[in-house]
Protein backbone atom coordinates (compact mmCIF):
# COMPACT_ATOMS: atom_id res chain seq x y z
CA MET A 1 -1.69 -1.36 23.77
CA SER A 2 0.09 1.74 22.43
CA HIS A 3 1.59 2.06 18.98
CA HIS A 4 5.26 1.26 18.59
CA PHE A 5 7.69 -0.07 16.01
CA GLU A 6 10.44 -2.49 16.96
CA LEU A 7 13.34 -2.89 14.55
CA LEU A 8 14.40 -6.51 15.03
CA ARG A 9 17.16 -6.65 12.42
CA GLY A 10 18.78 -4.21 10.03
CA SER A 11 19.51 -0.50 10.12
CA ALA A 12 18.61 2.75 8.40
CA ILE A 13 19.52 1.56 4.91
CA GLY A 14 19.17 -1.94 3.52
CA PRO A 15 16.87 -4.88 4.29
CA ARG A 16 15.06 -4.62 7.64
CA ARG A 17 12.97 -6.94 9.78
CA GLY A 18 10.56 -5.43 12.29
CA ARG A 19 7.24 -5.51 14.09
CA TYR A 20 4.64 -2.74 14.42
CA THR A 21 2.16 -2.94 17.30
CA THR A 22 -1.27 -1.28 17.35
CA PRO A 23 -4.33 -1.49 19.64
CA HIS A 24 -5.71 -4.13 17.25
CA GLY A 25 -2.63 -6.33 17.20
CA SER A 26 0.73 -6.30 15.51
CA PHE A 27 2.02 -6.93 12.01
CA GLU A 28 5.42 -8.23 10.97
CA THR A 29 7.51 -6.21 8.55
CA PRO A 30 8.29 -5.97 5.73
CA CYS A 31 4.59 -6.44 4.99
CA PHE A 32 2.00 -6.01 2.26
CA ALA A 33 -1.45 -4.59 3.03
CA PRO A 34 -4.30 -5.53 0.66
CA VAL A 35 -6.54 -2.59 -0.19
CA GLY A 36 -10.16 -2.59 0.93
CA THR A 37 -11.21 0.64 -0.79
CA ALA A 38 -14.86 0.51 0.28
CA ALA A 39 -14.27 -1.39 3.54
CA THR A 40 -13.92 -4.70 1.72
CA VAL A 41 -11.12 -6.52 -0.04
CA LYS A 42 -13.26 -7.24 -3.08
CA GLY A 43 -14.99 -10.62 -3.09
CA MET A 44 -13.55 -11.94 0.18
CA PHE A 45 -14.64 -12.45 3.76
CA PRO A 46 -12.30 -10.70 6.22
CA GLU A 47 -11.34 -14.08 7.65
CA GLN A 48 -10.26 -15.23 4.19
CA VAL A 49 -8.02 -12.18 3.78
CA ALA A 50 -6.35 -13.01 7.10
CA GLU A 51 -5.93 -16.66 6.10
CA LEU A 52 -4.07 -15.52 2.99
CA GLY A 53 -1.44 -14.06 5.31
CA ALA A 54 -2.50 -10.41 5.51
CA GLU A 55 -2.09 -8.82 8.94
CA LEU A 56 -2.84 -5.23 7.92
CA ILE A 57 -5.34 -3.80 5.43
CA LEU A 58 -5.89 -0.35 3.96
CA ALA A 59 -9.20 1.48 3.56
CA ASN A 60 -9.86 4.61 1.52
CA THR A 61 -10.83 7.80 3.35
CA TYR A 62 -12.13 9.59 0.25
CA HIS A 63 -14.45 6.80 -0.89
CA LEU A 64 -15.75 5.96 2.59
CA ALA A 65 -16.42 9.63 3.34
CA ILE A 66 -18.53 9.81 0.18
CA ARG A 67 -20.31 6.51 0.77
CA PRO A 68 -21.59 5.48 3.31
CA GLY A 69 -20.13 8.44 5.24
CA SER A 70 -17.74 8.47 8.18
CA GLU A 71 -20.50 9.42 10.64
CA LEU A 72 -22.41 6.22 9.88
CA ILE A 73 -19.27 4.12 10.26
CA ALA A 74 -18.60 5.81 13.60
CA GLN A 75 -22.14 4.92 14.70
CA ALA A 76 -21.38 1.30 13.80
CA GLY A 77 -18.38 1.34 16.15
CA GLY A 78 -15.71 2.17 13.57
CA LEU A 79 -14.30 0.29 10.60
CA HIS A 80 -13.27 -2.77 12.60
CA GLN A 81 -16.85 -3.41 13.71
CA PHE A 82 -18.39 -2.24 10.45
CA MET A 83 -16.40 -4.59 8.20
CA ARG A 84 -15.56 -7.30 10.78
CA TRP A 85 -11.80 -7.05 10.41
CA LYS A 86 -9.99 -7.84 13.65
CA GLY A 87 -6.48 -6.71 12.77
CA PRO A 88 -4.82 -3.34 12.19
CA ILE A 89 -6.27 -0.93 9.62
CA LEU A 90 -4.53 1.96 7.87
CA THR A 91 -6.55 4.69 6.19
CA ASP A 92 -5.13 6.96 3.53
CA SER A 93 -5.93 10.67 3.63
CA GLY A 94 -7.40 11.31 0.19
CA GLY A 95 -4.11 12.70 -1.08
CA TYR A 96 -3.82 10.16 -3.89
CA GLN A 97 -7.22 11.29 -5.19
CA VAL A 98 -5.72 14.78 -5.58
CA PHE A 99 -3.68 13.09 -8.33
CA SER A 100 -6.12 10.49 -9.67
CA LEU A 101 -9.15 12.83 -9.76
CA ALA A 102 -7.24 15.88 -10.98
CA GLY A 103 -10.04 16.87 -13.34
CA LYS A 104 -12.66 16.77 -10.59
CA ARG A 105 -11.07 18.80 -7.82
CA SER A 106 -9.77 22.24 -6.91
CA VAL A 107 -6.94 22.70 -4.44
CA ASN A 108 -5.41 25.59 -2.50
CA ASP A 109 -3.40 25.98 0.69
CA ASP A 110 -6.50 25.44 2.83
CA GLY A 111 -7.46 22.08 1.36
CA VAL A 112 -9.01 20.31 -1.61
CA ARG A 113 -12.59 20.27 -2.86
CA PHE A 114 -13.74 17.29 -4.91
CA ALA A 115 -16.68 17.57 -7.27
CA GLY A 116 -19.42 15.01 -6.82
CA GLU A 117 -18.58 11.60 -8.26
CA ASN A 118 -21.37 9.05 -8.84
CA THR A 119 -23.42 10.25 -5.86
CA GLY A 120 -23.16 13.92 -6.82
CA GLN A 121 -21.94 14.69 -3.30
CA GLU A 122 -19.05 17.13 -2.96
CA LEU A 123 -16.28 16.42 -0.46
CA TYR A 124 -13.97 18.98 1.10
CA LEU A 125 -10.74 17.79 2.71
CA SER A 126 -8.44 19.94 4.80
CA PRO A 127 -5.76 18.74 7.22
CA GLU A 128 -8.39 18.94 9.97
CA THR A 129 -11.30 17.29 8.12
CA ALA A 130 -9.07 14.48 6.78
CA LEU A 131 -8.02 13.69 10.35
CA ARG A 132 -11.56 14.01 11.69
CA ILE A 133 -12.89 11.57 9.09
CA GLN A 134 -10.10 9.09 9.83
CA SER A 135 -10.81 9.43 13.55
CA GLN A 136 -14.48 8.61 12.90
CA LEU A 137 -13.40 5.62 10.80
CA GLY A 138 -11.36 4.44 13.79
CA SER A 139 -8.33 3.23 11.87
CA ASP A 140 -5.15 2.34 13.73
CA ILE A 141 -2.95 4.39 11.42
CA ALA A 142 -4.01 7.68 9.82
CA MET A 143 -2.17 9.54 7.08
CA VAL A 144 -1.68 13.29 6.79
CA LEU A 145 -3.37 15.02 3.87
CA ASP A 146 -0.86 15.51 1.06
CA GLU A 147 -0.79 16.67 -2.53
CA CYS A 148 0.42 13.89 -4.80
CA SER A 149 1.83 15.32 -8.04
CA PRO A 150 1.85 13.55 -11.42
CA HIS A 151 5.12 12.29 -12.83
CA ASP A 152 5.16 14.97 -15.53
CA ALA A 153 4.58 17.88 -13.13
CA SER A 154 6.61 21.00 -13.83
CA ARG A 155 9.22 22.21 -11.37
CA ARG A 156 6.85 24.99 -10.31
CA GLN A 157 4.01 22.51 -9.72
CA LEU A 158 6.33 20.21 -7.75
CA GLU A 159 7.56 23.01 -5.50
CA ARG A 160 4.03 24.25 -4.85
CA ALA A 161 2.75 20.77 -3.98
CA HIS A 162 5.85 20.13 -1.86
CA LYS A 163 5.35 23.30 0.21
CA ARG A 164 1.61 22.68 0.52
CA THR A 165 2.16 19.10 1.72
CA LEU A 166 4.54 20.30 4.44
CA LEU A 167 2.12 23.06 5.44
CA TRP A 168 -0.67 20.49 5.78
CA ALA A 169 1.62 18.09 7.65
CA GLY A 170 2.42 20.73 10.26
CA GLU A 171 -1.26 21.49 10.75
CA ALA A 172 -2.14 17.78 11.00
CA LYS A 173 0.62 17.22 13.55
CA ARG A 174 -0.66 20.09 15.71
CA ILE A 175 -4.24 18.78 15.62
CA HIS A 176 -3.14 15.21 16.35
CA GLN A 177 -1.11 16.36 19.34
CA GLU A 178 -4.07 18.32 20.70
CA ARG A 179 -6.09 15.09 20.57
CA GLY A 180 -3.46 13.21 22.56
CA GLY A 181 -1.15 11.96 19.82
CA LYS A 182 -0.92 8.21 19.35
CA ASP A 183 -2.23 7.76 22.91
CA CYS A 184 -5.68 8.52 21.44
CA GLY A 185 -5.43 5.11 19.77
CA GLN A 186 -4.53 6.33 16.30
CA ALA A 187 -1.00 6.84 15.00
CA LEU A 188 -0.26 9.52 12.41
CA PHE A 189 2.21 9.05 9.55
CA GLY A 190 3.82 11.85 7.54
CA ILE A 191 4.31 11.57 3.77
CA VAL A 192 7.52 12.49 1.92
CA GLN A 193 6.81 14.15 -1.43
CA GLY A 194 8.99 15.94 -3.98
CA GLY A 195 8.61 14.00 -7.20
CA MET A 196 11.93 12.87 -8.66
CA ASP A 197 13.77 15.89 -7.24
CA ARG A 198 16.37 14.75 -4.69
CA ALA A 199 16.63 18.14 -2.99
CA LEU A 200 12.87 18.42 -2.50
CA ARG A 201 12.74 14.85 -1.20
CA ARG A 202 15.45 15.60 1.33
CA GLU A 203 13.79 18.82 2.50
CA SER A 204 10.45 17.05 2.79
CA ALA A 205 11.88 14.18 4.84
CA GLU A 206 13.91 16.41 7.13
CA THR A 207 10.95 18.73 7.78
CA LEU A 208 8.66 15.82 8.62
CA VAL A 209 11.24 14.38 11.01
CA ARG A 210 11.51 17.72 12.79
CA LEU A 211 7.72 17.74 13.19
CA GLY A 212 7.91 14.19 14.55
CA PHE A 213 5.50 11.55 13.26
CA ASP A 214 4.77 7.98 14.34
CA GLY A 215 5.90 6.65 10.97
CA TYR A 216 6.93 7.95 7.58
CA ALA A 217 5.62 7.20 4.10
CA VAL A 218 7.28 7.73 0.74
CA GLY A 219 4.58 9.11 -1.53
CA GLY A 220 4.52 10.42 -5.07
CA VAL A 221 5.31 7.06 -6.67
CA SER A 222 3.13 4.85 -8.87
CA VAL A 223 2.14 8.01 -10.73
CA GLY A 224 3.60 7.19 -14.15
CA GLU A 225 7.32 7.04 -13.37
CA SER A 226 9.63 4.26 -14.54
CA LYS A 227 10.82 1.58 -12.15
CA PRO A 228 14.35 3.05 -11.93
CA GLU A 229 12.79 6.45 -11.19
CA MET A 230 10.72 4.89 -8.41
CA ASP A 231 13.93 3.44 -6.95
CA GLN A 232 15.52 6.90 -7.13
CA ALA A 233 12.60 8.46 -5.23
CA VAL A 234 13.00 5.86 -2.48
CA GLU A 235 16.77 6.35 -2.34
CA ALA A 236 16.33 10.12 -2.18
CA SER A 237 13.98 9.85 0.81
CA LEU A 238 15.17 7.07 3.12
CA PRO A 239 18.57 8.42 4.25
CA TYR A 240 16.82 11.28 6.04
CA LEU A 241 14.23 9.21 7.92
CA PRO A 242 14.78 7.83 11.45
CA GLU A 243 16.21 4.32 11.64
CA GLN A 244 13.88 3.35 14.48
CA GLU A 245 10.62 4.41 12.79
CA ILE A 246 8.62 2.46 10.23
CA ARG A 247 8.86 3.36 6.51
CA TYR A 248 5.93 2.88 4.13
CA LEU A 249 6.04 2.97 0.32
CA MET A 250 2.58 3.91 -0.86
CA GLY A 251 0.75 2.27 -3.75
CA ILE A 252 3.35 -0.35 -4.73
CA GLY A 253 2.36 -3.99 -5.26
CA HIS A 254 4.33 -5.64 -8.07
CA PRO A 255 6.64 -8.39 -6.77
CA ASP A 256 9.82 -6.92 -8.27
CA ASP A 257 9.06 -3.42 -6.97
CA ILE A 258 8.38 -4.76 -3.49
CA PHE A 259 11.60 -6.77 -3.46
CA GLU A 260 13.78 -3.90 -4.71
CA SER A 261 12.25 -1.53 -2.16
CA VAL A 262 12.78 -3.97 0.71
CA LEU A 263 16.46 -4.10 -0.24
CA ARG A 264 16.56 -0.31 0.10
CA GLY A 265 14.93 -0.26 3.55
CA ILE A 266 11.13 -0.07 3.09
CA ASP A 267 8.95 -1.79 5.72
CA MET A 268 5.36 -1.51 4.41
CA PHE A 269 3.52 -1.66 1.10
CA ASP A 270 -0.06 -1.44 -0.14
CA CYS A 271 -1.63 -1.64 -3.58
CA VAL A 272 -4.83 -2.53 -5.42
CA SER A 273 -2.86 -4.42 -8.08
CA PRO A 274 -3.22 -8.02 -6.78
CA THR A 275 -7.01 -7.81 -6.62
CA ARG A 276 -7.40 -5.58 -9.68
CA HIS A 277 -5.23 -7.96 -11.69
CA GLY A 278 -7.23 -10.88 -10.32
CA ARG A 279 -10.43 -9.28 -11.60
CA THR A 280 -8.83 -8.84 -15.02
CA ASN A 281 -7.61 -12.45 -15.16
CA LEU A 282 -3.91 -11.73 -14.61
CA VAL A 283 -2.06 -13.74 -11.96
CA TYR A 284 1.42 -13.73 -10.46
CA VAL A 285 3.60 -16.84 -10.55
CA PRO A 286 7.37 -17.18 -10.04
CA ALA A 287 7.95 -17.27 -13.81
CA GLY A 288 6.05 -14.02 -14.40
CA LYS A 289 2.38 -13.29 -15.07
CA ILE A 290 -0.23 -15.69 -16.40
CA LYS A 291 -3.03 -14.29 -18.57
CA ILE A 292 -5.49 -17.03 -17.78
CA LYS A 293 -7.71 -16.30 -20.81
CA ASN A 294 -4.89 -17.23 -23.18
CA ALA A 295 -5.76 -20.25 -25.32
CA ARG A 296 -2.68 -22.19 -24.19
CA TRP A 297 -4.40 -22.87 -20.83
CA LYS A 298 -7.59 -24.33 -22.35
CA ASP A 299 -6.66 -27.96 -21.63
CA ASP A 300 -4.01 -27.46 -18.92
CA PHE A 301 -5.18 -29.43 -15.89
CA SER A 302 -2.38 -28.35 -13.57
CA ALA A 303 -2.57 -25.73 -10.81
CA LEU A 304 -1.51 -22.14 -11.41
CA GLN A 305 1.49 -22.78 -9.16
CA GLU A 306 2.30 -26.30 -8.03
CA ASP A 307 3.93 -25.34 -4.72
CA CYS A 308 1.26 -22.77 -3.74
CA GLY A 309 -1.03 -23.29 -0.74
CA CYS A 310 -3.71 -20.74 -1.63
CA PRO A 311 -7.37 -21.74 -2.16
CA CYS A 312 -7.04 -21.17 -5.91
CA CYS A 313 -4.17 -23.64 -6.29
CA SER A 314 -5.65 -26.22 -3.91
CA GLY A 315 -7.60 -28.24 -6.45
CA PHE A 316 -8.51 -25.82 -9.24
CA THR A 317 -6.79 -26.15 -12.61
CA LYS A 318 -5.77 -23.59 -15.18
CA ALA A 319 -8.35 -25.06 -17.56
CA TYR A 320 -11.14 -24.51 -15.03
CA LEU A 321 -9.94 -21.01 -14.14
CA ARG A 322 -9.82 -20.13 -17.85
CA HIS A 323 -13.36 -21.43 -18.21
CA LEU A 324 -14.52 -19.18 -15.35
CA ALA A 325 -12.77 -16.20 -16.92
CA GLN A 326 -14.27 -16.89 -20.34
CA CYS A 327 -17.74 -17.04 -18.78
CA GLY A 328 -17.23 -13.95 -16.63
CA GLU A 329 -17.99 -15.93 -13.48
CA MET A 330 -17.25 -14.02 -10.27
CA LEU A 331 -15.67 -17.09 -8.65
CA GLY A 332 -12.81 -16.85 -11.12
CA ALA A 333 -12.01 -13.25 -10.18
CA ILE A 334 -12.19 -14.11 -6.48
CA LEU A 335 -9.88 -17.12 -6.78
CA LEU A 336 -7.32 -15.25 -8.87
CA SER A 337 -7.39 -12.31 -6.43
CA MET A 338 -6.83 -14.71 -3.54
CA HIS A 339 -3.86 -16.24 -5.30
CA ASN A 340 -2.26 -12.86 -6.00
CA ILE A 341 -2.58 -11.71 -2.39
CA TYR A 342 -1.23 -15.04 -1.11
CA PHE A 343 1.65 -14.81 -3.59
CA LEU A 344 2.75 -11.42 -2.24
CA GLU A 345 2.24 -12.41 1.39
CA GLN A 346 4.34 -15.54 0.88
CA LEU A 347 7.05 -13.58 -0.90
CA LEU A 348 7.33 -11.23 2.07
CA ALA A 349 7.15 -14.04 4.62
CA GLN A 350 10.11 -15.68 2.89
CA VAL A 351 11.98 -12.36 2.75
CA ARG A 352 11.34 -11.76 6.47
CA GLU A 353 12.69 -15.20 7.32
CA ARG A 354 15.86 -14.63 5.33
CA ILE A 355 16.49 -11.15 6.73
CA HIS A 356 15.97 -12.50 10.24
CA SER A 357 18.53 -15.22 9.50
CA GLY A 358 21.07 -12.58 8.57
CA ALA A 359 20.93 -12.67 4.76
CA LYS A 360 22.51 -9.64 3.11
CA GLU A 361 21.54 -7.97 -0.16
CA ALA A 362 23.66 -10.21 -2.39
CA GLU A 363 22.26 -13.38 -0.81
CA LEU A 364 18.70 -12.07 -1.09
CA ARG A 365 19.20 -11.23 -4.75
CA GLU A 366 20.58 -14.69 -5.47
CA TRP A 367 17.61 -16.32 -3.72
CA PHE A 368 15.09 -14.07 -5.50
CA ALA A 369 16.59 -14.81 -8.92
CA ALA A 370 16.37 -18.56 -8.25
CA SER A 371 12.90 -18.52 -6.67
CA TYR A 372 11.18 -15.80 -8.72
CA PRO A 373 13.06 -15.83 -12.05
CA GLY A 374 10.33 -14.04 -13.99
CA TRP A 375 10.55 -11.03 -11.70
CA ALA A 376 14.33 -10.84 -11.35
CA GLY A 377 15.24 -9.50 -14.78
CA LYS A 378 16.87 -6.20 -15.64
CA ARG A 379 15.33 -3.40 -13.62
CA GLY A 380 12.67 -1.70 -15.72
CA SER A 381 12.03 -4.75 -17.90
CA PRO A 382 8.51 -6.15 -17.47
CA ALA A 383 7.97 -9.65 -16.14
CA PRO A 384 7.02 -12.06 -18.94
CA THR A 385 3.32 -12.71 -19.59
CA LEU A 386 2.61 -16.40 -20.11
């Protein structure tokens, strides 16, 4: 089945309800995709990830190209066969590593060269090689190579990265079209960049739309900006993107950020935060965040969240989870990661239901404040840690 996005409710701006179809099934939007950096959502069987409510996962092009190599994964039949995930997969392009590994790479208009990390193996990514690697991985959705700038980038750095990203996007679009476009089985999304500059964001979005992609991402967030600044980047990008195409906010996974971005018209999210926080003993609950190692939970024999249906809350107590964390037992990290993913998937399932029922922004905000009070405070204020 070919790729297509169906907007079921909503419009260009504001909360939207949709469905994106791929050759490996569909996913309902707005949605959250857990990150399987190395072809695994850490500590979980693929079936468990699906049971938590995830319909889409993300894998990392840079890391998989380094180890085990995209050629080996292609020999295995692609990522779906290699990792035994039956649903849709999105692969990033390596653009975020241009930001996160800034001290270990060199970049010019042709591409980016990463110095060897851990394995000592260098990796060169250009618009063509990034697409070739993602084609070998066999993901349903590929991303164009982009240059993600840090929050404190100078105007000159922003403009250079902005122009380079659009140059690479045009080259990626040409190559993708030569391979048959989305009819080859892999959709290609463009990425809006431009930092916090509204004019650059507009130019980026309008140029990508003229090139014509299968979906559009808002990049350049989660790079050190404040929450209000993240909102501004979204608001500066979305008005210039097509109403009938899917919109993806990259690297965002905190409940309040997801909710605020859904209200603005975002359809997709991904982030390592729910599993990374699980591994560091931090869990999401409606009242905020629980640091399970805190002494107050030592003799608390209640569940993390009484109304939660995840494996962690189905019989395990805070006292036991604290014990696992104190001992460094891997089961604790797995259970907390499961809870965090389930928490986000349930949040979005509830949001989808309300949007489908016709709820407007004011009604959604009222519901969120009542149901998730710890996350509904003043924008920019952190959720309380319990």
